[in-house]
Amino acid sequence: MSTALVTGATAGIGAEFARQLAARGHDLVLVARDAARLEASATALRALGVRVEALVADLADRDGMGRVAERLTDASRPVDVLVNNAGFGTTGRLDDPDTSDQERGIAVMAVAPLVLAAAAASAMKQRGHGRIINVASLSAWITQGGYSAVKAYAKVWSEGLSAQLAGSGVTATALCPGWVRTEFHQRAGLESGGIPSWVWVDAERCVRECLEHADRGKVLSIPTKRWKVAAFVLQHAPRSLVHGISRRVAGMQH
């Protein structure tokens, strides 16, 4: 039986990845900061008939990253699927001298995935198979402050990783959803009442489509046709239009 490691596994997209991977028969390694919440999630998933390991780690911390990287390279307990999902909505302004929120975002959503994917890819290549899924965002196509910047890194880095892994049996896929129905916005303190209901996508569909795309070795996974169209338009639109759209999106979330 194969094993999947999911970061940020106790809520939202990460929890849905854990559920669907368990339903596929994968044993799990769940990574999160909150030990009590992590163990509750592990207990619930064990009821699905899979083995579940709970690994407490703060991915903003180098020691935390190191513990997860060590688990990924443990040859006696190989990990076949890595889901780099841990993240949060950075809300600080880029002109605020207090950059702590932005720095933590870069650590959790850029540095940690880089470190963990490098560890996983090295071990997976030796075995000749494996999948790495990195949760980016459709925000990578717009200019919505620090969050867009870090997700643009996640997207482009995933594409580069995929290219370098070509022919190794290991694939890399970046999940780039728009707005997903989770507790993400609430936890970040972002208002979402101004966002039309039709633009939202369920976490279940988002993860299901991503796993299907990863099965086929797709590099970018953009759930739903409407978000594929949005990504195409944003990719080819004049930058002045993208900047205007970005300002409007920011206004809808405040």
Protein backbone atom coordinates (compact mmCIF):
# COMPACT_ATOMS: atom_id res chain seq x y z
CA MET A 1 0.00 0.00 0.00
CA SER A 2 1.35 3.44 -0.90
CA THR A 3 1.69 6.39 1.46
CA ALA A 4 0.77 10.05 0.94
CA LEU A 5 2.03 12.96 3.04
CA VAL A 6 -0.23 16.01 3.22
CA THR A 7 0.75 19.32 4.84
CA GLY A 8 -1.90 21.60 6.29
CA ALA A 9 -4.02 18.46 6.51
CA THR A 10 -6.57 19.37 9.18
CA ALA A 11 -8.77 21.83 7.29
CA GLY A 12 -9.96 22.95 3.88
CA ILE A 13 -8.26 21.64 0.76
CA GLY A 14 -5.66 19.72 2.79
CA ALA A 15 -8.31 17.82 4.74
CA GLU A 16 -10.09 17.00 1.48
CA PHE A 17 -6.86 15.72 -0.06
CA ALA A 18 -6.40 13.48 2.98
CA ARG A 19 -9.95 12.11 2.71
CA GLN A 20 -9.76 11.40 -0.99
CA LEU A 21 -6.29 9.87 -0.81
CA ALA A 22 -7.49 7.62 2.03
CA ALA A 23 -10.51 6.64 -0.08
CA ARG A 24 -8.06 5.65 -2.82
CA GLY A 25 -6.35 3.34 -0.33
CA HIS A 26 -3.28 5.41 0.55
CA ASP A 27 -1.87 5.32 4.07
CA LEU A 28 -1.35 8.86 5.31
CA VAL A 29 1.13 11.11 7.04
CA LEU A 30 -0.69 14.24 8.18
CA VAL A 31 1.30 17.39 8.94
CA ALA A 32 -0.02 20.41 10.84
CA ARG A 33 0.82 22.73 13.75
CA ASP A 34 -2.15 22.05 16.04
CA ALA A 35 -1.51 18.72 17.78
CA ALA A 36 -5.04 18.27 19.12
CA ARG A 37 -6.71 19.03 15.82
CA LEU A 38 -4.18 16.86 14.00
CA GLU A 39 -4.87 13.84 16.18
CA ALA A 40 -8.64 14.32 15.79
CA SER A 41 -8.23 14.31 12.01
CA ALA A 42 -6.01 11.24 12.17
CA THR A 43 -8.53 9.36 14.30
CA ALA A 44 -11.37 10.13 11.89
CA LEU A 45 -9.34 9.00 8.88
CA ARG A 46 -8.25 5.76 10.53
CA ALA A 47 -11.91 4.80 10.51
CA LEU A 48 -11.59 4.55 6.71
CA GLY A 49 -9.30 1.57 7.15
CA VAL A 50 -5.92 3.18 6.45
CA ARG A 51 -2.90 3.77 8.64
CA VAL A 52 -2.48 7.40 9.63
CA GLU A 53 0.59 9.02 11.16
CA ALA A 54 0.30 12.47 12.77
CA LEU A 55 3.39 14.66 12.46
CA VAL A 56 3.29 17.97 14.34
CA ALA A 57 5.41 20.62 12.64
CA ASP A 58 5.37 24.37 12.07
CA LEU A 59 6.49 24.83 8.46
CA ALA A 60 7.45 28.45 9.09
CA ASP A 61 10.26 27.04 11.21
CA ARG A 62 13.37 25.44 9.75
CA ASP A 63 13.34 22.71 12.39
CA GLY A 64 9.75 21.89 11.46
CA MET A 65 10.63 21.73 7.78
CA GLY A 66 13.59 19.52 8.61
CA ARG A 67 11.49 16.98 10.52
CA VAL A 68 9.07 16.62 7.62
CA ALA A 69 11.92 16.41 5.10
CA GLU A 70 13.48 13.60 7.15
CA ARG A 71 10.18 11.72 7.07
CA LEU A 72 10.05 12.10 3.28
CA THR A 73 13.52 10.61 2.86
CA ASP A 74 13.05 7.69 5.28
CA ALA A 75 13.75 4.74 2.99
CA SER A 76 12.15 2.29 5.41
CA ARG A 77 8.81 4.14 5.16
CA PRO A 78 8.63 5.51 1.60
CA VAL A 79 6.23 8.31 0.69
CA ASP A 80 4.76 8.00 -2.80
CA VAL A 81 2.63 11.17 -2.90
CA LEU A 82 3.52 14.57 -1.42
CA VAL A 83 0.85 17.26 -1.20
CA ASN A 84 2.32 20.67 -0.32
CA ASN A 85 -0.89 22.33 0.82
CA ALA A 86 -0.08 24.27 4.02
CA GLY A 87 -0.80 27.95 3.64
CA PHE A 88 -2.82 30.94 4.74
CA GLY A 89 -4.08 34.23 3.36
CA THR A 90 -1.53 36.99 3.90
CA THR A 91 -3.38 40.23 4.61
CA GLY A 92 -0.62 42.72 5.37
CA ARG A 93 0.05 45.59 2.99
CA LEU A 94 3.28 45.53 1.02
CA ASP A 95 4.06 49.08 2.18
CA ASP A 96 3.73 48.15 5.87
CA PRO A 97 7.13 48.22 7.64
CA ASP A 98 5.98 45.18 9.66
CA THR A 99 6.68 42.44 7.14
CA SER A 100 6.29 39.52 9.55
CA ASP A 101 3.05 38.27 7.96
CA GLN A 102 4.57 38.37 4.48
CA GLU A 103 7.75 36.67 5.66
CA ARG A 104 5.79 33.86 7.32
CA GLY A 105 3.79 33.44 4.11
CA ILE A 106 6.97 33.07 2.08
CA ALA A 107 8.34 30.54 4.57
CA VAL A 108 5.20 28.38 4.66
CA MET A 109 4.09 28.65 1.02
CA ALA A 110 7.40 28.97 -0.84
CA VAL A 111 10.42 27.86 1.20
CA ALA A 112 8.77 24.85 2.87
CA PRO A 113 7.36 23.41 -0.39
CA LEU A 114 10.78 23.92 -2.00
CA VAL A 115 12.54 22.06 0.80
CA LEU A 116 9.96 19.27 1.06
CA ALA A 117 9.62 18.70 -2.69
CA ALA A 118 13.40 18.54 -3.08
CA ALA A 119 13.58 15.90 -0.35
CA ALA A 120 10.65 13.93 -1.76
CA ALA A 121 11.84 14.13 -5.36
CA SER A 122 15.29 12.84 -4.46
CA ALA A 123 13.82 9.79 -2.71
CA MET A 124 11.13 9.21 -5.33
CA LYS A 125 13.59 9.31 -8.23
CA GLN A 126 15.61 6.52 -6.65
CA ARG A 127 12.45 4.38 -6.65
CA GLY A 128 11.42 5.51 -10.14
CA HIS A 129 7.96 6.75 -9.25
CA GLY A 130 6.10 9.36 -7.22
CA ARG A 131 3.80 12.37 -7.39
CA ILE A 132 4.26 15.84 -5.99
CA ILE A 133 1.26 18.17 -5.80
CA ASN A 134 1.76 21.82 -4.88
CA VAL A 135 -1.24 23.98 -4.04
CA ALA A 136 -0.86 27.30 -5.85
CA SER A 137 -3.79 29.52 -6.83
CA LEU A 138 -5.43 31.38 -9.66
CA SER A 139 -4.12 34.41 -7.75
CA ALA A 140 -0.81 33.62 -9.45
CA TRP A 141 -2.24 35.26 -12.59
CA ILE A 142 -3.18 38.54 -10.85
CA THR A 143 -1.36 41.06 -8.65
CA GLN A 144 -3.17 40.81 -5.33
CA GLY A 145 -0.29 41.71 -3.05
CA GLY A 146 1.97 39.26 -1.27
CA TYR A 147 -0.38 36.29 -1.65
CA SER A 148 -0.37 36.56 -5.44
CA ALA A 149 3.41 36.88 -5.40
CA VAL A 150 3.99 33.76 -3.32
CA LYS A 151 1.46 31.73 -5.34
CA ALA A 152 3.06 32.91 -8.59
CA TYR A 153 6.32 31.48 -7.23
CA ALA A 154 4.55 28.21 -6.38
CA LYS A 155 3.12 27.95 -9.90
CA VAL A 156 6.32 28.73 -11.82
CA TRP A 157 8.53 26.70 -9.49
CA SER A 158 6.19 23.71 -9.93
CA GLU A 159 6.45 24.05 -13.70
CA GLY A 160 10.23 24.12 -13.45
CA LEU A 161 10.25 21.13 -11.12
CA SER A 162 8.06 19.20 -13.54
CA ALA A 163 10.44 19.91 -16.38
CA GLN A 164 13.46 18.76 -14.39
CA LEU A 165 11.70 15.56 -13.31
CA ALA A 166 10.73 14.60 -16.87
CA GLY A 167 11.59 10.96 -17.61
CA SER A 168 12.25 10.08 -13.96
CA GLY A 169 8.85 8.54 -13.24
CA VAL A 170 8.14 11.37 -10.79
CA THR A 171 5.64 14.10 -11.66
CA ALA A 172 4.88 17.55 -10.27
CA THR A 173 1.46 19.21 -10.51
CA ALA A 174 0.41 22.68 -9.37
CA LEU A 175 -3.21 23.03 -8.28
CA CYS A 176 -4.44 26.52 -9.19
CA PRO A 177 -8.02 27.03 -7.98
CA GLY A 178 -10.02 30.22 -7.74
CA TRP A 179 -12.27 30.68 -4.72
CA VAL A 180 -12.86 27.41 -2.86
CA ARG A 181 -15.54 26.84 -0.22
CA THR A 182 -13.40 26.31 2.91
CA GLU A 183 -12.67 28.21 6.12
CA PHE A 184 -9.66 29.84 4.41
CA HIS A 185 -11.12 33.34 4.11
CA GLN A 186 -12.57 33.34 7.62
CA ARG A 187 -9.26 32.27 9.17
CA ALA A 188 -7.44 34.99 7.23
CA GLY A 189 -9.94 37.63 8.33
CA LEU A 190 -11.02 38.26 4.74
CA GLU A 191 -14.57 39.20 3.83
CA SER A 192 -16.02 37.17 0.98
CA GLY A 193 -19.63 38.38 0.91
CA GLY A 194 -18.98 40.48 -2.18
CA ILE A 195 -17.85 37.50 -4.24
CA PRO A 196 -20.68 36.09 -6.42
CA SER A 197 -21.82 32.58 -5.50
CA TRP A 198 -21.30 31.25 -9.04
CA VAL A 199 -17.52 31.72 -8.91
CA TRP A 200 -17.00 29.36 -5.98
CA VAL A 201 -15.96 25.72 -6.32
CA ASP A 202 -16.31 22.95 -3.74
CA ALA A 203 -13.14 21.53 -2.21
CA GLU A 204 -14.30 18.03 -3.15
CA ARG A 205 -14.39 18.84 -6.87
CA CYS A 206 -11.18 20.84 -6.67
CA VAL A 207 -9.24 17.94 -5.15
CA ARG A 208 -10.92 15.25 -7.27
CA GLU A 209 -9.98 17.01 -10.50
CA CYS A 210 -6.46 17.69 -9.26
CA LEU A 211 -5.85 14.03 -8.42
CA GLU A 212 -7.15 13.04 -11.85
CA HIS A 213 -4.82 15.58 -13.47
CA ALA A 214 -1.87 14.33 -11.38
CA ASP A 215 -2.68 10.77 -12.46
CA ARG A 216 -2.20 11.93 -16.05
CA GLY A 217 0.96 13.87 -15.26
CA LYS A 218 -0.53 17.29 -15.98
CA VAL A 219 1.61 20.17 -14.80
CA LEU A 220 -1.17 22.68 -14.10
CA SER A 221 -4.50 21.68 -12.60
CA ILE A 222 -7.15 24.39 -12.88
CA PRO A 223 -10.53 23.12 -11.66
CA THR A 224 -13.73 23.91 -13.61
CA LYS A 225 -14.05 25.33 -17.11
CA ARG A 226 -14.79 28.82 -15.79
CA TRP A 227 -11.45 29.02 -13.99
CA LYS A 228 -9.61 27.63 -17.02
CA VAL A 229 -11.17 30.42 -19.09
CA ALA A 230 -10.25 32.98 -16.42
CA ALA A 231 -6.63 31.81 -16.40
CA PHE A 232 -6.46 31.99 -20.21
CA VAL A 233 -7.87 35.53 -20.25
CA LEU A 234 -5.56 36.72 -17.46
CA GLN A 235 -2.56 35.13 -19.19
CA HIS A 236 -3.19 37.01 -22.45
CA ALA A 237 -4.83 40.24 -21.26
CA PRO A 238 -2.92 43.55 -21.21
CA ARG A 239 -1.22 44.01 -17.86
CA SER A 240 -3.14 47.24 -17.27
CA LEU A 241 -6.37 45.23 -17.41
CA VAL A 242 -4.95 42.61 -15.03
CA HIS A 243 -4.00 45.36 -12.59
CA GLY A 244 -7.53 46.74 -12.73
CA ILE A 245 -9.04 43.30 -12.14
CA SER A 246 -6.67 42.78 -9.23
CA ARG A 247 -7.78 46.03 -7.57
CA ARG A 248 -11.41 45.02 -7.99
CA VAL A 249 -10.82 41.57 -6.51
CA ALA A 250 -9.03 43.12 -3.53
CA GLY A 251 -12.01 45.41 -3.01
CA MET A 252 -14.42 42.46 -3.01
CA GLN A 253 -12.55 40.86 -0.10
CA HIS A 254 -12.54 43.82 2.27
